[in-house]
Amino acid sequence: MPKIYKPFTDHTSSEMFARIYLMKAGQFARESDSLSLHMRLFFLGLQRVSNRGHAPFKAGEIQQLLQSKVGRPYGEKQIRNEIKRLTKDGLISPLSNIRCLLYPLELISLKTEKKNAAKCDEHGTHSSWSGYNNDWAPDYPPQGVVEEVIIPAVEEYSGISLNSVGEISIGDGTYDSYQ
């Protein structure tokens, strides 16, 4: 009897992830002329991205790495327009530019050999970008004093026992058990 498979559906959990080989993504970006330029640019950044989401490039480097179908470099203006397109679609941060493509931490979470990447020269930080907050994510949890949590007082509701009697503890939630 043949196996019965579940039908294909969209992933609905934010915990789902996939493995993308970053070096291969860069090869697709450089060698494919059938992919759109903005997708080639997205893949090119993946090959260079650090675990904090920064993919830095030298001046003019993207244009040299992404050649047109006729083998010529794309113009700087065209690359900038494609960066704007990726930004508008939320695939990269609004702070991305031709010198550093910045991927949101909600989109890409990497375990890479680039764990202690140097500070990004373009952005002046190695912090991750949060697309949800549209701001830099903190590098470390907040330091300092954590204020005491105040638990609000429980109001007495008629018919609910909140007092301790004998073996039963406070807040047992029983109704009219102790009159």
N, C-alpha and C. Protein backbone atom coordinates (compact mmCIF):
# COMPACT_ATOMS: atom_id res chain seq x y z
N MET A 1 0.85 -1.18 0.00
CA MET A 1 0.00 0.00 0.00
C MET A 1 0.90 1.25 0.00
N PRO A 2 0.64 2.20 -0.88
CA PRO A 2 1.49 3.40 -0.95
C PRO A 2 1.31 4.29 0.27
N LYS A 3 2.37 5.04 0.58
CA LYS A 3 2.30 5.99 1.69
C LYS A 3 1.35 7.13 1.34
N ILE A 4 0.69 7.65 2.35
CA ILE A 4 -0.18 8.82 2.17
C ILE A 4 0.55 10.01 2.77
N TYR A 5 0.77 11.01 1.96
CA TYR A 5 1.49 12.19 2.39
C TYR A 5 0.52 13.33 2.67
N LYS A 6 0.90 14.18 3.60
CA LYS A 6 0.11 15.38 3.88
C LYS A 6 0.24 16.33 2.70
N PRO A 7 -0.79 17.10 2.42
CA PRO A 7 -0.68 18.06 1.30
C PRO A 7 0.29 19.19 1.65
N PHE A 8 0.86 19.81 0.63
CA PHE A 8 1.78 20.92 0.83
C PHE A 8 1.01 22.13 1.36
N THR A 9 1.57 22.78 2.36
CA THR A 9 0.98 23.99 2.92
C THR A 9 2.10 24.96 3.25
N ASP A 10 1.74 26.19 3.51
CA ASP A 10 2.73 27.18 3.95
C ASP A 10 3.14 26.88 5.38
N HIS A 11 4.39 27.20 5.72
CA HIS A 11 4.85 27.07 7.10
C HIS A 11 4.19 28.16 7.92
N THR A 12 3.71 27.81 9.09
CA THR A 12 3.01 28.78 9.93
C THR A 12 3.73 29.07 11.23
N SER A 13 4.79 28.36 11.53
CA SER A 13 5.52 28.55 12.77
C SER A 13 6.72 29.45 12.54
N SER A 14 6.95 30.38 13.46
CA SER A 14 8.14 31.22 13.34
C SER A 14 9.39 30.45 13.73
N GLU A 15 9.23 29.24 14.25
CA GLU A 15 10.37 28.41 14.64
C GLU A 15 10.92 27.60 13.48
N MET A 16 10.23 27.56 12.35
CA MET A 16 10.69 26.79 11.20
C MET A 16 11.90 27.47 10.59
N PHE A 17 12.81 26.68 10.09
CA PHE A 17 13.96 27.25 9.41
C PHE A 17 14.40 26.31 8.31
N ALA A 18 15.20 26.82 7.43
CA ALA A 18 15.74 26.02 6.33
C ALA A 18 17.24 26.24 6.28
N ARG A 19 17.93 25.34 5.68
CA ARG A 19 19.38 25.47 5.52
C ARG A 19 19.66 25.94 4.10
N ILE A 20 20.37 27.04 4.01
CA ILE A 20 20.80 27.57 2.72
C ILE A 20 22.32 27.59 2.74
N TYR A 21 22.92 27.05 1.72
CA TYR A 21 24.38 27.05 1.65
C TYR A 21 24.84 28.40 1.09
N LEU A 22 25.47 29.16 1.95
CA LEU A 22 25.79 30.55 1.63
C LEU A 22 26.77 30.68 0.47
N MET A 23 27.76 29.80 0.41
CA MET A 23 28.72 29.87 -0.69
C MET A 23 28.01 29.60 -2.02
N LYS A 24 27.12 28.65 -2.03
CA LYS A 24 26.37 28.32 -3.25
C LYS A 24 25.45 29.47 -3.65
N ALA A 25 24.87 30.16 -2.66
CA ALA A 25 24.03 31.32 -2.96
C ALA A 25 24.84 32.38 -3.71
N GLY A 26 26.07 32.60 -3.27
CA GLY A 26 26.94 33.55 -3.95
C GLY A 26 27.29 33.13 -5.36
N GLN A 27 27.47 31.83 -5.56
CA GLN A 27 27.74 31.32 -6.91
C GLN A 27 26.55 31.54 -7.82
N PHE A 28 25.34 31.27 -7.31
CA PHE A 28 24.13 31.55 -8.11
C PHE A 28 24.09 33.02 -8.50
N ALA A 29 24.40 33.89 -7.55
CA ALA A 29 24.35 35.34 -7.80
C ALA A 29 25.30 35.74 -8.91
N ARG A 30 26.51 35.21 -8.89
CA ARG A 30 27.52 35.59 -9.87
C ARG A 30 27.28 34.96 -11.25
N GLU A 31 26.81 33.72 -11.27
CA GLU A 31 26.79 32.96 -12.52
C GLU A 31 25.45 32.95 -13.23
N SER A 32 24.36 33.21 -12.53
CA SER A 32 23.04 33.12 -13.16
C SER A 32 22.69 34.42 -13.86
N ASP A 33 22.28 34.30 -15.10
CA ASP A 33 21.77 35.49 -15.78
C ASP A 33 20.26 35.39 -15.99
N SER A 34 19.66 34.31 -15.49
CA SER A 34 18.20 34.18 -15.61
C SER A 34 17.47 34.69 -14.37
N LEU A 35 18.18 34.78 -13.23
CA LEU A 35 17.57 35.36 -12.03
C LEU A 35 17.49 36.87 -12.18
N SER A 36 16.49 37.47 -11.56
CA SER A 36 16.39 38.93 -11.58
C SER A 36 17.57 39.54 -10.82
N LEU A 37 17.89 40.77 -11.13
CA LEU A 37 19.04 41.43 -10.50
C LEU A 37 18.85 41.56 -8.99
N HIS A 38 17.65 41.88 -8.54
CA HIS A 38 17.47 42.05 -7.09
C HIS A 38 17.65 40.72 -6.36
N MET A 39 17.26 39.60 -6.96
CA MET A 39 17.49 38.31 -6.30
C MET A 39 18.97 37.93 -6.34
N ARG A 40 19.64 38.25 -7.42
CA ARG A 40 21.09 38.01 -7.49
C ARG A 40 21.81 38.83 -6.41
N LEU A 41 21.38 40.05 -6.22
CA LEU A 41 21.96 40.92 -5.19
C LEU A 41 21.70 40.34 -3.80
N PHE A 42 20.49 39.87 -3.56
CA PHE A 42 20.14 39.25 -2.28
C PHE A 42 21.04 38.04 -2.02
N PHE A 43 21.20 37.17 -3.00
CA PHE A 43 22.04 35.98 -2.86
C PHE A 43 23.52 36.35 -2.70
N LEU A 44 23.96 37.38 -3.39
CA LEU A 44 25.36 37.80 -3.27
C LEU A 44 25.68 38.21 -1.84
N GLY A 45 24.78 38.94 -1.22
CA GLY A 45 24.98 39.34 0.16
C GLY A 45 25.01 38.15 1.11
N LEU A 46 24.21 37.12 0.82
CA LEU A 46 24.20 35.94 1.68
C LEU A 46 25.56 35.26 1.76
N GLN A 47 26.31 35.29 0.67
CA GLN A 47 27.62 34.64 0.70
C GLN A 47 28.57 35.36 1.65
N ARG A 48 28.36 36.62 1.88
CA ARG A 48 29.28 37.41 2.68
C ARG A 48 28.76 37.73 4.08
N VAL A 49 27.50 37.47 4.37
CA VAL A 49 26.85 37.92 5.59
C VAL A 49 27.50 37.32 6.85
N SER A 50 27.61 38.16 7.88
CA SER A 50 28.10 37.70 9.19
C SER A 50 26.92 37.19 10.00
N ASN A 51 27.18 36.62 11.16
CA ASN A 51 26.08 36.13 11.99
C ASN A 51 25.24 37.27 12.57
N ARG A 52 25.65 38.50 12.41
CA ARG A 52 24.87 39.67 12.85
C ARG A 52 24.11 40.33 11.70
N GLY A 53 24.22 39.77 10.48
CA GLY A 53 23.42 40.26 9.37
C GLY A 53 24.09 41.25 8.43
N HIS A 54 25.32 41.64 8.71
CA HIS A 54 26.03 42.60 7.85
C HIS A 54 26.76 41.87 6.73
N ALA A 55 26.62 42.39 5.51
CA ALA A 55 27.34 41.87 4.36
C ALA A 55 28.07 43.06 3.71
N PRO A 56 29.29 43.36 4.17
CA PRO A 56 30.00 44.54 3.66
C PRO A 56 30.68 44.30 2.30
N PHE A 57 30.75 45.36 1.52
CA PHE A 57 31.41 45.33 0.21
C PHE A 57 32.28 46.57 0.07
N LYS A 58 33.34 46.45 -0.70
CA LYS A 58 34.18 47.61 -1.01
C LYS A 58 33.48 48.45 -2.07
N ALA A 59 33.92 49.68 -2.22
CA ALA A 59 33.33 50.58 -3.22
C ALA A 59 33.46 49.95 -4.60
N GLY A 60 32.35 49.86 -5.32
CA GLY A 60 32.33 49.32 -6.68
C GLY A 60 32.39 47.80 -6.77
N GLU A 61 32.49 47.13 -5.65
CA GLU A 61 32.66 45.67 -5.68
C GLU A 61 31.40 44.94 -6.17
N ILE A 62 30.23 45.37 -5.74
CA ILE A 62 29.00 44.70 -6.17
C ILE A 62 28.86 44.78 -7.68
N GLN A 63 29.12 45.95 -8.25
CA GLN A 63 29.00 46.11 -9.69
C GLN A 63 29.95 45.16 -10.44
N GLN A 64 31.14 44.95 -9.90
CA GLN A 64 32.10 44.06 -10.54
C GLN A 64 31.70 42.59 -10.39
N LEU A 65 31.08 42.24 -9.27
CA LEU A 65 30.71 40.84 -9.03
C LEU A 65 29.46 40.42 -9.79
N LEU A 66 28.54 41.36 -10.00
CA LEU A 66 27.30 41.04 -10.71
C LEU A 66 27.37 41.62 -12.12
N GLN A 67 27.68 40.79 -13.06
CA GLN A 67 27.79 41.21 -14.45
C GLN A 67 26.44 41.06 -15.16
N SER A 68 26.19 41.90 -16.13
CA SER A 68 24.97 41.79 -16.93
C SER A 68 25.10 40.62 -17.90
N LYS A 69 24.05 40.34 -18.66
CA LYS A 69 24.06 39.22 -19.61
C LYS A 69 25.15 39.36 -20.66
N VAL A 70 25.52 40.59 -20.96
CA VAL A 70 26.57 40.81 -21.98
C VAL A 70 27.95 40.93 -21.34
N GLY A 71 28.04 40.67 -20.03
CA GLY A 71 29.35 40.65 -19.37
C GLY A 71 29.85 41.99 -18.88
N ARG A 72 28.98 42.99 -18.86
CA ARG A 72 29.38 44.31 -18.37
C ARG A 72 28.88 44.51 -16.95
N PRO A 73 29.61 45.29 -16.15
CA PRO A 73 29.14 45.60 -14.79
C PRO A 73 27.88 46.47 -14.85
N TYR A 74 27.01 46.27 -13.89
CA TYR A 74 25.84 47.14 -13.76
C TYR A 74 26.29 48.49 -13.21
N GLY A 75 25.53 49.52 -13.51
CA GLY A 75 25.84 50.84 -12.99
C GLY A 75 25.48 50.96 -11.52
N GLU A 76 26.14 51.87 -10.84
CA GLU A 76 25.89 52.10 -9.41
C GLU A 76 24.43 52.47 -9.16
N LYS A 77 23.84 53.30 -10.04
CA LYS A 77 22.45 53.71 -9.87
C LYS A 77 21.52 52.50 -9.94
N GLN A 78 21.80 51.58 -10.85
CA GLN A 78 20.95 50.40 -10.99
C GLN A 78 21.03 49.51 -9.75
N ILE A 79 22.23 49.36 -9.20
CA ILE A 79 22.40 48.57 -7.98
C ILE A 79 21.67 49.25 -6.82
N ARG A 80 21.79 50.57 -6.71
CA ARG A 80 21.08 51.30 -5.65
C ARG A 80 19.56 51.12 -5.77
N ASN A 81 19.04 51.14 -6.99
CA ASN A 81 17.61 50.93 -7.20
C ASN A 81 17.18 49.53 -6.75
N GLU A 82 18.01 48.54 -7.00
CA GLU A 82 17.69 47.17 -6.59
C GLU A 82 17.76 47.03 -5.06
N ILE A 83 18.66 47.77 -4.44
CA ILE A 83 18.72 47.78 -2.97
C ILE A 83 17.44 48.39 -2.41
N LYS A 84 16.97 49.47 -3.02
CA LYS A 84 15.70 50.08 -2.60
C LYS A 84 14.55 49.10 -2.75
N ARG A 85 14.57 48.34 -3.81
CA ARG A 85 13.51 47.35 -4.04
C ARG A 85 13.52 46.27 -2.96
N LEU A 86 14.70 45.75 -2.62
CA LEU A 86 14.81 44.75 -1.56
C LEU A 86 14.40 45.33 -0.20
N THR A 87 14.73 46.59 0.02
CA THR A 87 14.36 47.27 1.26
C THR A 87 12.84 47.41 1.34
N LYS A 88 12.23 47.84 0.26
CA LYS A 88 10.77 48.02 0.22
C LYS A 88 10.06 46.70 0.49
N ASP A 89 10.62 45.60 0.00
CA ASP A 89 10.02 44.29 0.20
C ASP A 89 10.35 43.69 1.57
N GLY A 90 11.20 44.36 2.36
CA GLY A 90 11.54 43.89 3.70
C GLY A 90 12.58 42.80 3.75
N LEU A 91 13.25 42.54 2.64
CA LEU A 91 14.28 41.50 2.62
C LEU A 91 15.60 41.98 3.20
N ILE A 92 15.83 43.27 3.17
CA ILE A 92 17.01 43.86 3.82
C ILE A 92 16.58 45.12 4.56
N SER A 93 17.43 45.58 5.43
CA SER A 93 17.15 46.75 6.27
C SER A 93 17.13 48.04 5.45
N PRO A 94 16.34 49.03 5.88
CA PRO A 94 16.38 50.34 5.24
C PRO A 94 17.74 51.02 5.33
N LEU A 95 18.59 50.57 6.25
CA LEU A 95 19.93 51.15 6.37
C LEU A 95 20.92 50.50 5.40
N SER A 96 20.47 49.53 4.62
CA SER A 96 21.34 48.89 3.63
C SER A 96 21.72 49.89 2.55
N ASN A 97 22.91 49.71 2.03
CA ASN A 97 23.36 50.55 0.93
C ASN A 97 24.37 49.76 0.10
N ILE A 98 24.97 50.42 -0.86
CA ILE A 98 25.87 49.75 -1.79
C ILE A 98 27.16 49.26 -1.13
N ARG A 99 27.42 49.73 0.09
CA ARG A 99 28.62 49.29 0.83
C ARG A 99 28.33 48.20 1.86
N CYS A 100 27.06 48.03 2.27
CA CYS A 100 26.71 46.97 3.22
C CYS A 100 25.23 46.62 3.09
N LEU A 101 24.97 45.37 2.73
CA LEU A 101 23.60 44.86 2.75
C LEU A 101 23.36 44.33 4.15
N LEU A 102 22.29 44.79 4.77
CA LEU A 102 22.02 44.45 6.17
C LEU A 102 20.72 43.65 6.24
N TYR A 103 20.86 42.38 6.64
CA TYR A 103 19.71 41.46 6.68
C TYR A 103 19.06 41.49 8.07
N PRO A 104 17.71 41.55 8.14
CA PRO A 104 17.03 41.56 9.44
C PRO A 104 17.23 40.25 10.19
N LEU A 105 17.37 40.33 11.50
CA LEU A 105 17.61 39.13 12.30
C LEU A 105 16.39 38.21 12.29
N GLU A 106 15.20 38.73 12.01
CA GLU A 106 14.01 37.89 11.95
C GLU A 106 13.99 37.03 10.68
N LEU A 107 14.74 37.44 9.68
CA LEU A 107 14.79 36.70 8.42
C LEU A 107 15.92 35.69 8.40
N ILE A 108 17.06 36.09 8.90
CA ILE A 108 18.25 35.24 8.82
C ILE A 108 18.89 35.12 10.19
N SER A 109 19.04 33.91 10.64
CA SER A 109 19.75 33.62 11.88
C SER A 109 20.85 32.62 11.52
N LEU A 110 22.07 33.04 11.61
CA LEU A 110 23.18 32.21 11.13
C LEU A 110 24.03 31.64 12.24
N LYS A 111 24.48 30.46 12.00
CA LYS A 111 25.58 29.87 12.76
C LYS A 111 26.69 29.76 11.75
N THR A 112 27.67 30.61 11.87
CA THR A 112 28.71 30.70 10.86
C THR A 112 30.06 30.85 11.53
N GLU A 113 31.10 30.63 10.75
CA GLU A 113 32.45 30.83 11.29
C GLU A 113 32.74 32.31 11.52
N LYS A 114 31.88 33.18 11.06
CA LYS A 114 32.07 34.63 11.22
C LYS A 114 31.40 35.13 12.48
N LYS A 115 31.61 34.43 13.61
CA LYS A 115 30.93 34.80 14.85
C LYS A 115 31.44 36.10 15.44
N ASN A 116 32.70 36.34 15.36
CA ASN A 116 33.28 37.55 15.95
C ASN A 116 33.72 38.51 14.85
N ALA A 117 32.81 38.75 13.93
CA ALA A 117 33.12 39.64 12.82
C ALA A 117 33.41 41.04 13.35
N ALA A 118 34.31 41.70 12.67
CA ALA A 118 34.69 43.06 13.07
C ALA A 118 33.50 44.00 12.90
N LYS A 119 33.62 45.13 13.54
CA LYS A 119 32.60 46.17 13.42
C LYS A 119 32.46 46.56 11.95
N CYS A 120 31.22 46.73 11.52
CA CYS A 120 30.95 47.13 10.14
C CYS A 120 31.41 48.58 9.94
N ASP A 121 32.30 48.80 8.99
CA ASP A 121 32.80 50.16 8.74
C ASP A 121 31.69 51.10 8.26
N GLU A 122 30.75 50.57 7.52
CA GLU A 122 29.67 51.40 6.97
C GLU A 122 28.68 51.84 8.04
N HIS A 123 28.31 50.94 8.95
CA HIS A 123 27.30 51.24 9.96
C HIS A 123 27.90 51.58 11.33
N GLY A 124 29.19 51.34 11.50
CA GLY A 124 29.83 51.68 12.76
C GLY A 124 29.45 50.79 13.93
N THR A 125 28.90 49.62 13.64
CA THR A 125 28.49 48.69 14.68
C THR A 125 28.53 47.28 14.11
N HIS A 126 28.47 46.31 14.99
CA HIS A 126 28.29 44.93 14.53
C HIS A 126 26.93 44.41 14.99
N SER A 127 26.08 45.31 15.48
CA SER A 127 24.76 44.93 15.97
C SER A 127 23.87 44.43 14.84
N SER A 128 22.91 43.60 15.22
CA SER A 128 21.91 43.11 14.28
C SER A 128 20.82 44.15 14.09
N TRP A 129 20.11 44.04 12.98
CA TRP A 129 18.97 44.92 12.69
C TRP A 129 17.69 44.14 12.93
N SER A 130 16.73 44.76 13.61
CA SER A 130 15.43 44.14 13.84
C SER A 130 14.40 44.76 12.91
N GLY A 131 13.85 43.95 12.03
CA GLY A 131 12.80 44.42 11.14
C GLY A 131 11.50 44.70 11.87
N TYR A 132 11.24 43.96 12.96
CA TYR A 132 10.01 44.17 13.74
C TYR A 132 10.03 45.53 14.42
N ASN A 133 11.19 45.88 14.99
CA ASN A 133 11.31 47.15 15.70
C ASN A 133 11.78 48.28 14.80
N ASN A 134 12.23 47.93 13.59
CA ASN A 134 12.80 48.90 12.67
C ASN A 134 13.91 49.71 13.35
N ASP A 135 14.79 48.97 14.06
CA ASP A 135 15.86 49.60 14.81
C ASP A 135 16.94 48.56 15.09
N TRP A 136 18.07 49.03 15.59
CA TRP A 136 19.14 48.12 15.97
C TRP A 136 18.70 47.26 17.15
N ALA A 137 19.05 46.00 17.10
CA ALA A 137 18.77 45.09 18.21
C ALA A 137 19.91 45.20 19.22
N PRO A 138 19.62 45.08 20.51
CA PRO A 138 20.71 45.16 21.49
C PRO A 138 21.64 43.95 21.34
N ASP A 139 22.92 44.21 21.53
CA ASP A 139 23.91 43.13 21.43
C ASP A 139 23.83 42.19 22.60
N TYR A 140 23.52 42.72 23.75
CA TYR A 140 23.51 41.93 24.96
C TYR A 140 22.26 42.29 25.76
N PRO A 141 21.81 41.38 26.64
CA PRO A 141 20.67 41.74 27.48
C PRO A 141 21.00 42.96 28.34
N PRO A 142 19.99 43.73 28.72
CA PRO A 142 20.25 44.93 29.53
C PRO A 142 20.98 44.58 30.83
N GLN A 143 21.93 45.40 31.19
CA GLN A 143 22.68 45.23 32.44
C GLN A 143 22.08 46.16 33.49
N GLY A 144 22.26 45.81 34.74
CA GLY A 144 21.79 46.71 35.79
C GLY A 144 20.76 46.06 36.68
N VAL A 145 20.18 46.88 37.51
CA VAL A 145 19.23 46.41 38.51
C VAL A 145 17.88 46.13 37.85
N VAL A 146 17.35 44.98 38.13
CA VAL A 146 16.00 44.65 37.67
C VAL A 146 15.07 44.97 38.83
N GLU A 147 14.09 45.82 38.57
CA GLU A 147 13.17 46.22 39.64
C GLU A 147 12.34 45.04 40.10
N GLU A 148 11.94 45.09 41.36
CA GLU A 148 11.12 44.03 41.93
C GLU A 148 9.77 44.00 41.24
N VAL A 149 9.33 42.81 40.93
CA VAL A 149 8.03 42.65 40.31
C VAL A 149 6.97 42.76 41.39
N ILE A 150 6.00 43.61 41.18
CA ILE A 150 4.93 43.80 42.16
C ILE A 150 3.70 43.03 41.67
N ILE A 151 3.25 42.11 42.49
CA ILE A 151 2.08 41.32 42.16
C ILE A 151 0.87 42.02 42.73
N PRO A 152 -0.13 42.30 41.92
CA PRO A 152 -1.30 43.03 42.41
C PRO A 152 -2.06 42.20 43.46
N ALA A 153 -2.68 42.90 44.39
CA ALA A 153 -3.47 42.24 45.43
C ALA A 153 -4.67 41.55 44.81
N VAL A 154 -5.05 40.44 45.41
CA VAL A 154 -6.20 39.69 44.93
C VAL A 154 -7.44 40.23 45.62
N GLU A 155 -8.41 40.57 44.84
CA GLU A 155 -9.66 41.07 45.40
C GLU A 155 -10.47 39.89 45.93
N GLU A 156 -11.24 40.15 46.96
CA GLU A 156 -12.09 39.10 47.51
C GLU A 156 -13.36 39.04 46.68
N TYR A 157 -13.61 37.87 46.13
CA TYR A 157 -14.82 37.65 45.36
C TYR A 157 -15.80 36.88 46.22
N SER A 158 -17.04 37.23 46.16
CA SER A 158 -18.03 36.52 46.96
C SER A 158 -18.12 35.08 46.49
N GLY A 159 -18.12 34.18 47.44
CA GLY A 159 -18.27 32.78 47.12
C GLY A 159 -16.97 32.06 46.86
N ILE A 160 -15.82 32.75 46.79
CA ILE A 160 -14.54 32.09 46.55
C ILE A 160 -13.73 32.16 47.82
N SER A 161 -13.23 31.03 48.26
CA SER A 161 -12.42 30.97 49.46
C SER A 161 -10.98 31.31 49.13
N LEU A 162 -10.44 32.33 49.77
CA LEU A 162 -9.04 32.69 49.57
C LEU A 162 -8.24 32.56 50.86
N ASN A 163 -8.85 32.05 51.92
CA ASN A 163 -8.18 31.93 53.21
C ASN A 163 -7.76 30.49 53.45
N SER A 164 -6.74 30.34 54.26
CA SER A 164 -6.25 29.01 54.60
C SER A 164 -7.01 28.47 55.80
N VAL A 165 -7.50 27.25 55.67
CA VAL A 165 -8.19 26.59 56.77
C VAL A 165 -7.67 25.16 56.84
N GLY A 166 -7.09 24.80 57.97
CA GLY A 166 -6.60 23.44 58.15
C GLY A 166 -5.53 23.08 57.13
N GLU A 167 -5.75 22.04 56.37
CA GLU A 167 -4.77 21.50 55.42
C GLU A 167 -4.81 22.21 54.06
N ILE A 168 -5.80 23.06 53.85
CA ILE A 168 -5.99 23.66 52.54
C ILE A 168 -5.25 24.99 52.49
N SER A 169 -4.56 25.25 51.38
CA SER A 169 -3.75 26.46 51.26
C SER A 169 -4.57 27.63 50.75
N ILE A 170 -3.97 28.79 50.85
CA ILE A 170 -4.59 30.02 50.38
C ILE A 170 -4.77 29.93 48.87
N GLY A 171 -5.90 30.41 48.42
CA GLY A 171 -6.14 30.48 46.98
C GLY A 171 -6.48 29.15 46.37
N ASP A 172 -7.14 28.25 47.12
CA ASP A 172 -7.48 26.96 46.55
C ASP A 172 -8.60 27.07 45.52
N GLY A 173 -9.27 28.21 45.46
CA GLY A 173 -10.26 28.47 44.43
C GLY A 173 -11.58 27.77 44.61
N THR A 174 -11.80 27.16 45.74
CA THR A 174 -13.08 26.48 45.94
C THR A 174 -14.18 27.48 46.27
N TYR A 175 -15.39 27.15 45.91
CA TYR A 175 -16.53 28.03 46.12
C TYR A 175 -17.26 27.64 47.41
N ASP A 176 -17.53 28.65 48.22
CA ASP A 176 -18.35 28.50 49.42
C ASP A 176 -17.93 27.33 50.31
N SER A 177 -16.65 26.99 50.34
CA SER A 177 -16.22 25.86 51.15
C SER A 177 -15.99 26.22 52.60
N TYR A 178 -15.75 27.50 52.87
CA TYR A 178 -15.47 27.90 54.27
C TYR A 178 -16.37 29.05 54.64
N GLN A 179 -17.41 28.76 55.34
CA GLN A 179 -18.32 29.82 55.76
C GLN A 179 -18.23 30.06 57.23
